[in-house]
């Protein structure tokens, strides 16, 4: 309880991050269970591997970070494997 009643704004901000992290984890579990009820497990596994690609897109757009050739190669391999799994309907 001290975490939220402190006068220090940094401590209060950490509490908000804690609440946001817990909420996002709960939403993730909810969406994953919903996905499993309407799609196959291989589709769910493929989409969970797309997380680094989505983070990469957000990083380059909002945080203006640059990428090297190795990161482009990794993102391309992830996208290629997702397309391959989708086409082969594994």
C-alpha atoms as a PDB file:
ATOM      1  CA  UNK A   1       0.000   0.000   0.000  1.00  0.00           C
ATOM      2  CA  UNK A   2       2.954   2.312   0.582  1.00  0.00           C
ATOM      3  CA  UNK A   3       3.723   1.977  -3.120  1.00  0.00           C
ATOM      4  CA  UNK A   4       0.642   3.992  -4.076  1.00  0.00           C
ATOM      5  CA  UNK A   5       0.511   6.423  -1.153  1.00  0.00           C
ATOM      6  CA  UNK A   6       4.032   7.782  -1.475  1.00  0.00           C
ATOM      7  CA  UNK A   7       4.529  11.443  -2.332  1.00  0.00           C
ATOM      8  CA  UNK A   8       7.388  10.546  -4.667  1.00  0.00           C
ATOM      9  CA  UNK A   9       6.039  10.559  -8.254  1.00  0.00           C
ATOM     10  CA  UNK A  10       8.591   7.960  -9.371  1.00  0.00           C
ATOM     11  CA  UNK A  11       7.271   5.442  -6.848  1.00  0.00           C
ATOM     12  CA  UNK A  12       3.701   6.144  -7.975  1.00  0.00           C
ATOM     13  CA  UNK A  13       4.747   5.691 -11.613  1.00  0.00           C
ATOM     14  CA  UNK A  14       6.286   2.301 -10.807  1.00  0.00           C
ATOM     15  CA  UNK A  15       2.967   1.294  -9.278  1.00  0.00           C
ATOM     16  CA  UNK A  16       1.170   2.268 -12.468  1.00  0.00           C
ATOM     17  CA  UNK A  17       3.654   0.215 -14.500  1.00  0.00           C
ATOM     18  CA  UNK A  18       2.982  -2.728 -12.209  1.00  0.00           C
ATOM     19  CA  UNK A  19      -0.770  -2.424 -12.763  1.00  0.00           C
ATOM     20  CA  UNK A  20      -0.275  -2.051 -16.531  1.00  0.00           C
ATOM     21  CA  UNK A  21       1.978  -5.120 -16.659  1.00  0.00           C
ATOM     22  CA  UNK A  22      -0.531  -7.233 -14.743  1.00  0.00           C
ATOM     23  CA  UNK A  23      -3.402  -6.034 -16.902  1.00  0.00           C
ATOM     24  CA  UNK A  24      -1.531  -6.726 -20.129  1.00  0.00           C
ATOM     25  CA  UNK A  25      -0.610 -10.229 -18.930  1.00  0.00           C
ATOM     26  CA  UNK A  26      -4.243 -10.930 -18.069  1.00  0.00           C
ATOM     27  CA  UNK A  27      -5.390  -9.673 -21.470  1.00  0.00           C
ATOM     28  CA  UNK A  28      -2.747 -11.785 -23.165  1.00  0.00           C
ATOM     29  CA  UNK A  29      -3.992 -14.926 -21.405  1.00  0.00           C
ATOM     30  CA  UNK A  30      -7.579 -14.053 -22.350  1.00  0.00           C
ATOM     31  CA  UNK A  31      -6.718 -13.480 -26.004  1.00  0.00           C
ATOM     32  CA  UNK A  32      -4.574 -16.613 -26.182  1.00  0.00           C
ATOM     33  CA  UNK A  33      -7.394 -18.784 -24.876  1.00  0.00           C
ATOM     34  CA  UNK A  34      -9.826 -17.148 -27.303  1.00  0.00           C
ATOM     35  CA  UNK A  35      -7.380 -17.740 -30.172  1.00  0.00           C
ATOM     36  CA  UNK A  36      -7.051 -21.417 -29.273  1.00  0.00           C
ATOM     37  CA  UNK A  37     -10.824 -21.782 -29.421  1.00  0.00           C
ATOM     38  CA  UNK A  38     -11.022 -20.433 -32.994  1.00  0.00           C
ATOM     39  CA  UNK A  39      -7.630 -21.350 -34.540  1.00  0.00           C
ATOM     40  CA  UNK A  40      -5.088 -24.143 -34.481  1.00  0.00           C
ATOM     41  CA  UNK A  41      -2.161 -24.374 -32.120  1.00  0.00           C
ATOM     42  CA  UNK A  42       0.310 -24.045 -35.004  1.00  0.00           C
ATOM     43  CA  UNK A  43      -1.264 -20.711 -35.985  1.00  0.00           C
ATOM     44  CA  UNK A  44      -1.000 -19.514 -32.392  1.00  0.00           C
ATOM     45  CA  UNK A  45       2.664 -20.562 -32.236  1.00  0.00           C
ATOM     46  CA  UNK A  46       3.374 -18.783 -35.522  1.00  0.00           C
ATOM     47  CA  UNK A  47       1.733 -15.565 -34.374  1.00  0.00           C
ATOM     48  CA  UNK A  48       3.534 -15.630 -31.027  1.00  0.00           C
ATOM     49  CA  UNK A  49       6.834 -15.721 -32.934  1.00  0.00           C
ATOM     50  CA  UNK A  50       5.779 -12.505 -34.705  1.00  0.00           C
ATOM     51  CA  UNK A  51       6.152 -10.514 -31.463  1.00  0.00           C
ATOM     52  CA  UNK A  52       9.760  -9.455 -32.206  1.00  0.00           C
ATOM     53  CA  UNK A  53       8.670  -8.202 -35.632  1.00  0.00           C
ATOM     54  CA  UNK A  54       5.900  -6.075 -34.100  1.00  0.00           C
ATOM     55  CA  UNK A  55       8.304  -4.713 -31.478  1.00  0.00           C
ATOM     56  CA  UNK A  56      10.796  -3.946 -34.234  1.00  0.00           C
ATOM     57  CA  UNK A  57       8.181  -1.974 -36.171  1.00  0.00           C
ATOM     58  CA  UNK A  58       7.229   0.014 -33.066  1.00  0.00           C
ATOM     59  CA  UNK A  59      10.898   0.638 -32.227  1.00  0.00           C
ATOM     60  CA  UNK A  60      11.751   2.018 -35.635  1.00  0.00           C
ATOM     61  CA  UNK A  61       8.591   4.116 -35.899  1.00  0.00           C
ATOM     62  CA  UNK A  62       8.275   5.679 -32.453  1.00  0.00           C
ATOM     63  CA  UNK A  63      11.755   5.419 -30.980  1.00  0.00           C
ATOM     64  CA  UNK A  64      13.597   6.097 -34.258  1.00  0.00           C
ATOM     65  CA  UNK A  65      16.050   3.246 -33.739  1.00  0.00           C
ATOM     66  CA  UNK A  66      18.118   1.965 -36.655  1.00  0.00           C
ATOM     67  CA  UNK A  67      18.510  -1.642 -37.768  1.00  0.00           C
ATOM     68  CA  UNK A  68      21.503  -3.530 -39.026  1.00  0.00           C
ATOM     69  CA  UNK A  69      21.573  -6.245 -41.696  1.00  0.00           C
ATOM     70  CA  UNK A  70      21.428  -9.066 -39.140  1.00  0.00           C
ATOM     71  CA  UNK A  71      18.189  -7.712 -37.667  1.00  0.00           C
ATOM     72  CA  UNK A  72      16.646  -7.338 -41.134  1.00  0.00           C
ATOM     73  CA  UNK A  73      17.629 -10.934 -41.891  1.00  0.00           C
ATOM     74  CA  UNK A  74      16.053 -12.191 -38.663  1.00  0.00           C
ATOM     75  CA  UNK A  75      12.815 -10.303 -39.279  1.00  0.00           C
ATOM     76  CA  UNK A  76      12.693 -11.582 -42.851  1.00  0.00           C
ATOM     77  CA  UNK A  77      13.183 -15.183 -41.709  1.00  0.00           C
ATOM     78  CA  UNK A  78      10.380 -14.855 -39.165  1.00  0.00           C
ATOM     79  CA  UNK A  79       7.991 -13.394 -41.732  1.00  0.00           C
ATOM     80  CA  UNK A  80       9.018 -15.999 -44.336  1.00  0.00           C
ATOM     81  CA  UNK A  81       8.411 -18.871 -41.909  1.00  0.00           C
ATOM     82  CA  UNK A  82       4.993 -17.438 -41.025  1.00  0.00           C
ATOM     83  CA  UNK A  83       4.013 -17.240 -44.688  1.00  0.00           C
ATOM     84  CA  UNK A  84       5.330 -20.762 -45.273  1.00  0.00           C
ATOM     85  CA  UNK A  85       3.349 -22.190 -42.353  1.00  0.00           C
ATOM     86  CA  UNK A  86       0.232 -20.398 -43.592  1.00  0.00           C
ATOM     87  CA  UNK A  87       0.645 -21.686 -47.182  1.00  0.00           C
ATOM     88  CA  UNK A  88       1.382 -25.266 -46.141  1.00  0.00           C
ATOM     89  CA  UNK A  89      -1.441 -25.173 -43.536  1.00  0.00           C
ATOM     90  CA  UNK A  90       0.680 -26.995 -40.972  1.00  0.00           C
END
